[in-house]
C-alpha atoms as a PDB file:
ATOM      1  CA  MET A   1     -39.478  33.340 -49.391  1.00  0.00           C
ATOM      2  CA  ALA A   2     -42.922  32.643 -48.014  1.00  0.00           C
ATOM      3  CA  LYS A   3     -44.676  29.432 -48.955  1.00  0.00           C
ATOM      4  CA  LYS A   4     -47.410  29.885 -51.561  1.00  0.00           C
ATOM      5  CA  LEU A   5     -50.865  28.880 -50.317  1.00  0.00           C
ATOM      6  CA  SER A   6     -52.986  26.396 -52.248  1.00  0.00           C
ATOM      7  CA  GLU A   7     -56.307  27.504 -53.730  1.00  0.00           C
ATOM      8  CA  TRP A   8     -58.046  25.436 -51.057  1.00  0.00           C
ATOM      9  CA  SER A   9     -56.189  27.263 -48.269  1.00  0.00           C
ATOM     10  CA  LYS A  10     -57.075  30.610 -49.809  1.00  0.00           C
ATOM     11  CA  GLN A  11     -60.750  29.663 -50.073  1.00  0.00           C
ATOM     12  CA  VAL A  12     -60.797  28.462 -46.456  1.00  0.00           C
ATOM     13  CA  LYS A  13     -59.289  31.748 -45.285  1.00  0.00           C
ATOM     14  CA  ILE A  14     -61.774  33.759 -47.379  1.00  0.00           C
ATOM     15  CA  GLU A  15     -64.691  31.846 -45.847  1.00  0.00           C
ATOM     16  CA  MET A  16     -63.271  32.374 -42.369  1.00  0.00           C
ATOM     17  CA  VAL A  17     -63.084  36.131 -42.969  1.00  0.00           C
ATOM     18  CA  LYS A  18     -66.661  36.176 -44.312  1.00  0.00           C
ATOM     19  CA  ARG A  19     -67.826  34.512 -41.086  1.00  0.00           C
ATOM     20  CA  ASP A  20     -65.553  36.663 -38.922  1.00  0.00           C
ATOM     21  CA  TRP A  21     -63.932  33.454 -37.621  1.00  0.00           C
ATOM     22  CA  GLY A  22     -60.442  32.909 -36.339  1.00  0.00           C
ATOM     23  CA  ILE A  23     -58.623  29.596 -36.398  1.00  0.00           C
ATOM     24  CA  ASN A  24     -59.977  28.843 -32.900  1.00  0.00           C
ATOM     25  CA  ASP A  25     -63.561  29.170 -34.140  1.00  0.00           C
ATOM     26  CA  LEU A  26     -62.880  26.826 -37.047  1.00  0.00           C
ATOM     27  CA  ALA A  27     -61.116  24.315 -34.787  1.00  0.00           C
ATOM     28  CA  ASN A  28     -64.075  24.302 -32.403  1.00  0.00           C
ATOM     29  CA  ALA A  29     -66.524  23.860 -35.276  1.00  0.00           C
ATOM     30  CA  VAL A  30     -64.711  20.795 -36.649  1.00  0.00           C
ATOM     31  CA  HIS A  31     -63.823  19.407 -33.169  1.00  0.00           C
ATOM     32  CA  MET A  32     -60.063  19.406 -33.731  1.00  0.00           C
ATOM     33  CA  SER A  33     -57.185  21.153 -31.990  1.00  0.00           C
ATOM     34  CA  ARG A  34     -56.229  24.674 -33.008  1.00  0.00           C
ATOM     35  CA  PRO A  35     -52.587  23.843 -33.887  1.00  0.00           C
ATOM     36  CA  TYR A  36     -53.675  20.894 -36.031  1.00  0.00           C
ATOM     37  CA  VAL A  37     -56.326  22.879 -37.928  1.00  0.00           C
ATOM     38  CA  SER A  38     -53.836  25.697 -38.446  1.00  0.00           C
ATOM     39  CA  ALA A  39     -51.277  23.250 -39.861  1.00  0.00           C
ATOM     40  CA  VAL A  40     -53.851  21.756 -42.256  1.00  0.00           C
ATOM     41  CA  VAL A  41     -55.171  25.140 -43.419  1.00  0.00           C
ATOM     42  CA  ASN A  42     -51.644  26.464 -43.994  1.00  0.00           C
ATOM     43  CA  GLY A  43     -50.513  23.353 -45.858  1.00  0.00           C
ATOM     44  CA  ARG A  44     -47.947  22.103 -43.351  1.00  0.00           C
ATOM     45  CA  VAL A  45     -49.920  18.906 -42.717  1.00  0.00           C
ATOM     46  CA  TYR A  46     -52.213  16.904 -44.983  1.00  0.00           C
ATOM     47  CA  SER A  47     -55.081  14.879 -43.564  1.00  0.00           C
ATOM     48  CA  ALA A  48     -57.956  13.813 -45.828  1.00  0.00           C
ATOM     49  CA  PRO A  49     -60.453  13.614 -42.923  1.00  0.00           C
ATOM     50  CA  ALA A  50     -59.434  17.069 -41.659  1.00  0.00           C
ATOM     51  CA  VAL A  51     -59.641  18.600 -45.155  1.00  0.00           C
ATOM     52  CA  LYS A  52     -63.094  17.039 -45.601  1.00  0.00           C
ATOM     53  CA  ALA A  53     -64.333  18.279 -42.206  1.00  0.00           C
ATOM     54  CA  ILE A  54     -63.064  21.817 -42.836  1.00  0.00           C
ATOM     55  CA  SER A  55     -64.389  21.842 -46.404  1.00  0.00           C
ATOM     56  CA  ASP A  56     -67.809  20.616 -45.272  1.00  0.00           C
ATOM     57  CA  GLU A  57     -68.011  23.167 -42.458  1.00  0.00           C
ATOM     58  CA  LEU A  58     -67.096  26.098 -44.717  1.00  0.00           C
ATOM     59  CA  ASN A  59     -68.670  24.798 -47.959  1.00  0.00           C
ATOM     60  CA  VAL A  60     -65.316  24.860 -49.751  1.00  0.00           C
ATOM     61  CA  CYS A  61     -64.424  22.497 -52.606  1.00  0.00           C
ATOM     62  CA  GLU A  62     -61.823  19.862 -51.631  1.00  0.00           C
ATOM     63  CA  ILE A  63     -60.600  19.434 -55.217  1.00  0.00           C
ATOM     64  CA  ALA A  64     -58.395  22.524 -55.026  1.00  0.00           C
ATOM     65  CA  TYR A  65     -56.450  20.807 -52.236  1.00  0.00           C
ATOM     66  CA  SER A  66     -56.257  17.384 -53.857  1.00  0.00           C
ATOM     67  CA  THR A  67     -54.511  18.736 -56.983  1.00  0.00           C
ATOM     68  CA  ARG A  68     -51.746  20.080 -54.749  1.00  0.00           C
ATOM     69  CA  ILE A  69     -51.317  16.670 -53.110  1.00  0.00           C
ATOM     70  CA  ILE A  70     -50.951  14.964 -56.491  1.00  0.00           C
ATOM     71  CA  TRP A  71     -48.101  17.383 -57.272  1.00  0.00           C
ATOM     72  CA  TRP A  72     -46.543  16.705 -53.872  1.00  0.00           C
ATOM     73  CA  LYS A  73     -46.705  12.920 -54.240  1.00  0.00           C
ATOM     74  CA  LYS A  74     -44.931  12.918 -57.595  1.00  0.00           C
ATOM     75  CA  ASP A  75     -42.067  15.075 -56.226  1.00  0.00           C
ATOM     76  CA  TYR A  76     -41.473  13.056 -53.062  1.00  0.00           C
ATOM     77  CA  VAL A  77     -40.919   9.390 -52.260  1.00  0.00           C
ATOM     78  CA  HIS A  78     -41.021   8.307 -48.614  1.00  0.00           C
ATOM     79  CA  GLY A  79     -40.862  11.938 -47.527  1.00  0.00           C
ATOM     80  CA  LYS A  80     -37.641  12.661 -49.463  1.00  0.00           C
ATOM     81  CA  ARG A  81     -37.474  15.137 -52.313  1.00  0.00           C
ATOM     82  CA  LEU A  82     -36.607  13.484 -55.624  1.00  0.00           C
ATOM     83  CA  TYR A  83     -34.822  16.517 -57.054  1.00  0.00           C
ATOM     84  CA  LYS A  84     -33.703  20.000 -56.119  1.00  0.00           C
ATOM     85  CA  ARG A  85     -35.561  23.082 -57.250  1.00  0.00           C
END
């Protein structure tokens, strides 16, 4: 089953489509590598500075992403899942 995107990720992708941007365009705009930006946008990696840079560039609210991180932190300790789903 495919991983469900956060609201922040969805908003970032919507803004990219509105601007006719690909992930390379966004990566160039925020001065980060394409694989790293892709990982952040798709929720595989969390980086507060990267989320802020992307949010600022696309005028997207960061709060949608931070609520997902709060959920993640309470389910994991030291990178290990606390319980099975």
